[in-house]
Amino acid sequence: PEGADLAVGLFGLLPGGRIQVYARTA
């Protein structure tokens, strides 16, 4: 999700026990 304010990362994380949220803008 390029262009998002917050990106929810799934690739490289699932099927593990967590996901990550990345801030893309101020």
PDB file of all heavy atoms in Angstrom:
ATOM      1  N   PRO A   1       0.789  -1.239   0.000  1.00  0.00           N
ATOM      2  CA  PRO A   1       0.000   0.000   0.000  1.00  0.00           C
ATOM      3  C   PRO A   1       0.817   1.283   0.000  1.00  0.00           C
ATOM      4  O   PRO A   1       0.836   2.035   0.986  1.00  0.00           O
ATOM      5  CB  PRO A   1      -0.836  -0.135   1.277  1.00  0.00           C
ATOM      6  CG  PRO A   1       0.042  -0.910   2.210  1.00  0.00           C
ATOM      7  CD  PRO A   1       0.784  -1.886   1.336  1.00  0.00           C
ATOM      8  N   GLU A   2       1.474   1.569  -1.115  1.00  0.00           N
ATOM      9  CA  GLU A   2       2.177   2.849  -1.241  1.00  0.00           C
ATOM     10  C   GLU A   2       1.114   3.952  -1.305  1.00  0.00           C
ATOM     11  O   GLU A   2       0.081   3.799  -1.939  1.00  0.00           O
ATOM     12  CB  GLU A   2       3.037   2.859  -2.496  1.00  0.00           C
ATOM     13  CG  GLU A   2       3.957   1.651  -2.636  1.00  0.00           C
ATOM     14  CD  GLU A   2       4.852   1.447  -1.422  1.00  0.00           C
ATOM     15  OE1 GLU A   2       5.377   2.451  -0.889  1.00  0.00           O
ATOM     16  OE2 GLU A   2       5.016   0.282  -1.013  1.00  0.00           O
ATOM     17  N   GLY A   3       1.366   5.068  -0.674  1.00  0.00           N
ATOM     18  CA  GLY A   3       0.399   6.163  -0.667  1.00  0.00           C
ATOM     19  C   GLY A   3      -0.519   6.163   0.532  1.00  0.00           C
ATOM     20  O   GLY A   3      -1.332   7.074   0.686  1.00  0.00           O
ATOM     21  N   ALA A   4      -0.393   5.145   1.401  1.00  0.00           N
ATOM     22  CA  ALA A   4      -1.210   5.100   2.608  1.00  0.00           C
ATOM     23  C   ALA A   4      -0.567   5.907   3.719  1.00  0.00           C
ATOM     24  O   ALA A   4       0.651   6.105   3.740  1.00  0.00           O
ATOM     25  CB  ALA A   4      -1.404   3.657   3.062  1.00  0.00           C
ATOM     26  N   ASP A   5      -1.372   6.361   4.672  1.00  0.00           N
ATOM     27  CA  ASP A   5      -0.839   7.004   5.878  1.00  0.00           C
ATOM     28  C   ASP A   5      -0.293   5.937   6.831  1.00  0.00           C
ATOM     29  O   ASP A   5       0.762   6.106   7.434  1.00  0.00           O
ATOM     30  CB  ASP A   5      -1.925   7.814   6.578  1.00  0.00           C
ATOM     31  CG  ASP A   5      -2.420   8.968   5.724  1.00  0.00           C
ATOM     32  OD1 ASP A   5      -1.642   9.912   5.512  1.00  0.00           O
ATOM     33  OD2 ASP A   5      -3.573   8.922   5.268  1.00  0.00           O
ATOM     34  N   LEU A   6      -1.052   4.848   6.955  1.00  0.00           N
ATOM     35  CA  LEU A   6      -0.619   3.689   7.736  1.00  0.00           C
ATOM     36  C   LEU A   6      -0.690   2.465   6.847  1.00  0.00           C
ATOM     37  O   LEU A   6      -1.690   2.249   6.154  1.00  0.00           O
ATOM     38  CB  LEU A   6      -1.519   3.480   8.960  1.00  0.00           C
ATOM     39  CG  LEU A   6      -1.441   4.494  10.098  1.00  0.00           C
ATOM     40  CD1 LEU A   6      -2.463   4.139  11.179  1.00  0.00           C
ATOM     41  CD2 LEU A   6      -0.037   4.536  10.704  1.00  0.00           C
ATOM     42  N   ALA A   7       0.366   1.665   6.859  1.00  0.00           N
ATOM     43  CA  ALA A   7       0.399   0.442   6.064  1.00  0.00           C
ATOM     44  C   ALA A   7       0.419  -0.764   6.992  1.00  0.00           C
ATOM     45  O   ALA A   7       1.212  -0.818   7.934  1.00  0.00           O
ATOM     46  CB  ALA A   7       1.630   0.429   5.158  1.00  0.00           C
ATOM     47  N   VAL A   8      -0.447  -1.719   6.741  1.00  0.00           N
ATOM     48  CA  VAL A   8      -0.493  -2.956   7.519  1.00  0.00           C
ATOM     49  C   VAL A   8       0.319  -4.009   6.779  1.00  0.00           C
ATOM     50  O   VAL A   8      -0.029  -4.407   5.663  1.00  0.00           O
ATOM     51  CB  VAL A   8      -1.948  -3.440   7.711  1.00  0.00           C
ATOM     52  CG1 VAL A   8      -1.970  -4.752   8.484  1.00  0.00           C
ATOM     53  CG2 VAL A   8      -2.764  -2.381   8.438  1.00  0.00           C
ATOM     54  N   GLY A   9       1.414  -4.433   7.384  1.00  0.00           N
ATOM     55  CA  GLY A   9       2.306  -5.394   6.753  1.00  0.00           C
ATOM     56  C   GLY A   9       1.923  -6.829   7.061  1.00  0.00           C
ATOM     57  O   GLY A   9       1.787  -7.207   8.233  1.00  0.00           O
ATOM     58  N   LEU A  10       1.744  -7.638   6.007  1.00  0.00           N
ATOM     59  CA  LEU A  10       1.412  -9.051   6.139  1.00  0.00           C
ATOM     60  C   LEU A  10       2.492  -9.942   5.533  1.00  0.00           C
ATOM     61  O   LEU A  10       2.819 -10.994   6.081  1.00  0.00           O
ATOM     62  CB  LEU A  10       0.071  -9.355   5.437  1.00  0.00           C
ATOM     63  CG  LEU A  10      -1.127  -8.459   5.791  1.00  0.00           C
ATOM     64  CD1 LEU A  10      -2.331  -8.869   4.949  1.00  0.00           C
ATOM     65  CD2 LEU A  10      -1.449  -8.559   7.272  1.00  0.00           C
ATOM     66  N   PHE A  11       3.038  -9.527   4.401  1.00  0.00           N
ATOM     67  CA  PHE A  11       4.048 -10.333   3.720  1.00  0.00           C
ATOM     68  C   PHE A  11       5.286 -10.464   4.603  1.00  0.00           C
ATOM     69  O   PHE A  11       5.776  -9.495   5.176  1.00  0.00           O
ATOM     70  CB  PHE A  11       4.444  -9.701   2.378  1.00  0.00           C
ATOM     71  CG  PHE A  11       3.306  -9.610   1.394  1.00  0.00           C
ATOM     72  CD1 PHE A  11       3.025  -8.421   0.751  1.00  0.00           C
ATOM     73  CD2 PHE A  11       2.521 -10.710   1.122  1.00  0.00           C
ATOM     74  CE1 PHE A  11       1.987  -8.328  -0.163  1.00  0.00           C
ATOM     75  CE2 PHE A  11       1.472 -10.642   0.214  1.00  0.00           C
ATOM     76  CZ  PHE A  11       1.208  -9.440  -0.432  1.00  0.00           C
ATOM     77  N   GLY A  12       5.788 -11.690   4.699  1.00  0.00           N
ATOM     78  CA  GLY A  12       6.965 -11.945   5.522  1.00  0.00           C
ATOM     79  C   GLY A  12       6.651 -12.050   6.999  1.00  0.00           C
ATOM     80  O   GLY A  12       7.546 -12.313   7.802  1.00  0.00           O
ATOM     81  N   LEU A  13       5.397 -11.850   7.377  1.00  0.00           N
ATOM     82  CA  LEU A  13       4.980 -11.930   8.787  1.00  0.00           C
ATOM     83  C   LEU A  13       3.996 -13.082   9.007  1.00  0.00           C
ATOM     84  O   LEU A  13       4.126 -13.837   9.967  1.00  0.00           O
ATOM     85  CB  LEU A  13       4.352 -10.615   9.223  1.00  0.00           C
ATOM     86  CG  LEU A  13       5.347  -9.458   9.348  1.00  0.00           C
ATOM     87  CD1 LEU A  13       4.804  -8.207   8.693  1.00  0.00           C
ATOM     88  CD2 LEU A  13       5.658  -9.184  10.809  1.00  0.00           C
ATOM     89  N   LEU A  14       2.998 -13.192   8.157  1.00  0.00           N
ATOM     90  CA  LEU A  14       2.069 -14.316   8.245  1.00  0.00           C
ATOM     91  C   LEU A  14       2.723 -15.562   7.661  1.00  0.00           C
ATOM     92  O   LEU A  14       3.528 -15.471   6.734  1.00  0.00           O
ATOM     93  CB  LEU A  14       0.779 -13.989   7.487  1.00  0.00           C
ATOM     94  CG  LEU A  14      -0.066 -12.851   8.068  1.00  0.00           C
ATOM     95  CD1 LEU A  14      -1.328 -12.667   7.232  1.00  0.00           C
ATOM     96  CD2 LEU A  14      -0.440 -13.109   9.522  1.00  0.00           C
ATOM     97  N   PRO A  15       2.398 -16.754   8.219  1.00  0.00           N
ATOM     98  CA  PRO A  15       1.378 -17.070   9.215  1.00  0.00           C
ATOM     99  C   PRO A  15       1.874 -17.029  10.656  1.00  0.00           C
ATOM    100  O   PRO A  15       1.438 -17.834  11.487  1.00  0.00           O
ATOM    101  CB  PRO A  15       0.970 -18.493   8.821  1.00  0.00           C
ATOM    102  CG  PRO A  15       2.254 -19.092   8.305  1.00  0.00           C
ATOM    103  CD  PRO A  15       3.004 -17.973   7.658  1.00  0.00           C
ATOM    104  N   GLY A  16       2.757 -16.097  10.972  1.00  0.00           N
ATOM    105  CA  GLY A  16       3.253 -15.967  12.338  1.00  0.00           C
ATOM    106  C   GLY A  16       2.220 -15.360  13.270  1.00  0.00           C
ATOM    107  O   GLY A  16       1.062 -15.158  12.901  1.00  0.00           O
ATOM    108  N   GLY A  17       2.638 -15.016  14.457  1.00  0.00           N
ATOM    109  CA  GLY A  17       1.715 -14.552  15.473  1.00  0.00           C
ATOM    110  C   GLY A  17       1.559 -13.057  15.546  1.00  0.00           C
ATOM    111  O   GLY A  17       0.954 -12.539  16.503  1.00  0.00           O
ATOM    112  N   ARG A  18       2.067 -12.323  14.546  1.00  0.00           N
ATOM    113  CA  ARG A  18       1.956 -10.867  14.591  1.00  0.00           C
ATOM    114  C   ARG A  18       1.912 -10.288  13.191  1.00  0.00           C
ATOM    115  O   ARG A  18       2.284 -10.949  12.207  1.00  0.00           O
ATOM    116  CB  ARG A  18       3.147 -10.266  15.344  1.00  0.00           C
ATOM    117  CG  ARG A  18       4.462 -10.449  14.625  1.00  0.00           C
ATOM    118  CD  ARG A  18       5.673 -10.057  15.443  1.00  0.00           C
ATOM    119  NE  ARG A  18       6.901 -10.403  14.723  1.00  0.00           N
ATOM    120  CZ  ARG A  18       7.644  -9.541  14.024  1.00  0.00           C
ATOM    121  NH1 ARG A  18       7.275  -8.270  13.966  1.00  0.00           N
ATOM    122  NH2 ARG A  18       8.730  -9.934  13.415  1.00  0.00           N
ATOM    123  N   ILE A  19       1.424  -9.072  13.111  1.00  0.00           N
ATOM    124  CA  ILE A  19       1.534  -8.257  11.911  1.00  0.00           C
ATOM    125  C   ILE A  19       2.210  -6.962  12.328  1.00  0.00           C
ATOM    126  O   ILE A  19       2.455  -6.739  13.514  1.00  0.00           O
ATOM    127  CB  ILE A  19       0.154  -7.982  11.271  1.00  0.00           C
ATOM    128  CG1 ILE A  19      -0.774  -7.294  12.276  1.00  0.00           C
ATOM    129  CG2 ILE A  19      -0.449  -9.267  10.754  1.00  0.00           C
ATOM    130  CD1 ILE A  19      -2.116  -6.899  11.688  1.00  0.00           C
ATOM    131  N   GLN A  20       2.518  -6.106  11.382  1.00  0.00           N
ATOM    132  CA  GLN A  20       3.122  -4.817  11.715  1.00  0.00           C
ATOM    133  C   GLN A  20       2.373  -3.693  11.031  1.00  0.00           C
ATOM    134  O   GLN A  20       1.776  -3.863   9.968  1.00  0.00           O
ATOM    135  CB  GLN A  20       4.605  -4.787  11.298  1.00  0.00           C
ATOM    136  CG  GLN A  20       5.504  -5.637  12.179  1.00  0.00           C
ATOM    137  CD  GLN A  20       6.978  -5.374  11.932  1.00  0.00           C
ATOM    138  OE1 GLN A  20       7.407  -5.167  10.799  1.00  0.00           O
ATOM    139  NE2 GLN A  20       7.761  -5.379  12.996  1.00  0.00           N
ATOM    140  N   VAL A  21       2.403  -2.527  11.696  1.00  0.00           N
ATOM    141  CA  VAL A  21       1.822  -1.321  11.126  1.00  0.00           C
ATOM    142  C   VAL A  21       2.944  -0.317  10.916  1.00  0.00           C
ATOM    143  O   VAL A  21       3.749  -0.075  11.829  1.00  0.00           O
ATOM    144  CB  VAL A  21       0.745  -0.725  12.050  1.00  0.00           C
ATOM    145  CG1 VAL A  21       0.170   0.553  11.447  1.00  0.00           C
ATOM    146  CG2 VAL A  21      -0.371  -1.735  12.292  1.00  0.00           C
ATOM    147  N   TYR A  22       3.009   0.252   9.722  1.00  0.00           N
ATOM    148  CA  TYR A  22       4.076   1.181   9.364  1.00  0.00           C
ATOM    149  C   TYR A  22       3.477   2.568   9.105  1.00  0.00           C
ATOM    150  O   TYR A  22       2.504   2.699   8.366  1.00  0.00           O
ATOM    151  CB  TYR A  22       4.805   0.727   8.096  1.00  0.00           C
ATOM    152  CG  TYR A  22       5.282  -0.700   8.123  1.00  0.00           C
ATOM    153  CD1 TYR A  22       4.473  -1.727   7.633  1.00  0.00           C
ATOM    154  CD2 TYR A  22       6.529  -1.032   8.624  1.00  0.00           C
ATOM    155  CE1 TYR A  22       4.894  -3.037   7.654  1.00  0.00           C
ATOM    156  CE2 TYR A  22       6.967  -2.354   8.638  1.00  0.00           C
ATOM    157  CZ  TYR A  22       6.143  -3.350   8.151  1.00  0.00           C
ATOM    158  OH  TYR A  22       6.566  -4.655   8.165  1.00  0.00           O
ATOM    159  N   ALA A  23       4.050   3.594   9.701  1.00  0.00           N
ATOM    160  CA  ALA A  23       3.640   4.969   9.422  1.00  0.00           C
ATOM    161  C   ALA A  23       4.347   5.438   8.158  1.00  0.00           C
ATOM    162  O   ALA A  23       5.565   5.357   8.060  1.00  0.00           O
ATOM    163  CB  ALA A  23       3.988   5.880  10.588  1.00  0.00           C
ATOM    164  N   ARG A  24       3.553   5.922   7.185  1.00  0.00           N
ATOM    165  CA  ARG A  24       4.116   6.350   5.905  1.00  0.00           C
ATOM    166  C   ARG A  24       4.092   7.860   5.710  1.00  0.00           C
ATOM    167  O   ARG A  24       4.724   8.379   4.787  1.00  0.00           O
ATOM    168  CB  ARG A  24       3.354   5.686   4.755  1.00  0.00           C
ATOM    169  CG  ARG A  24       3.456   4.163   4.713  1.00  0.00           C
ATOM    170  CD  ARG A  24       4.882   3.714   4.585  1.00  0.00           C
ATOM    171  NE  ARG A  24       5.004   2.315   4.213  1.00  0.00           N
ATOM    172  CZ  ARG A  24       6.095   1.593   4.416  1.00  0.00           C
ATOM    173  NH1 ARG A  24       7.155   2.153   4.996  1.00  0.00           N
ATOM    174  NH2 ARG A  24       6.136   0.333   4.045  1.00  0.00           N
ATOM    175  N   THR A  25       3.360   8.557   6.565  1.00  0.00           N
ATOM    176  CA  THR A  25       3.274  10.016   6.471  1.00  0.00           C
ATOM    177  C   THR A  25       3.387  10.602   7.872  1.00  0.00           C
ATOM    178  O   THR A  25       3.310   9.875   8.871  1.00  0.00           O
ATOM    179  CB  THR A  25       1.928  10.454   5.858  1.00  0.00           C
ATOM    180  OG1 THR A  25       0.861  10.051   6.734  1.00  0.00           O
ATOM    181  CG2 THR A  25       1.717   9.844   4.482  1.00  0.00           C
ATOM    182  N   ALA A  26       3.540  11.913   7.932  1.00  0.00           N
ATOM    183  CA  ALA A  26       3.602  12.576   9.238  1.00  0.00           C
ATOM    184  C   ALA A  26       2.300  12.358  10.004  1.00  0.00           C
ATOM    185  O   ALA A  26       2.304  12.132  11.214  1.00  0.00           O
ATOM    186  CB  ALA A  26       3.865  14.072   9.052  1.00  0.00           C
TER     187      ALA A  26
END
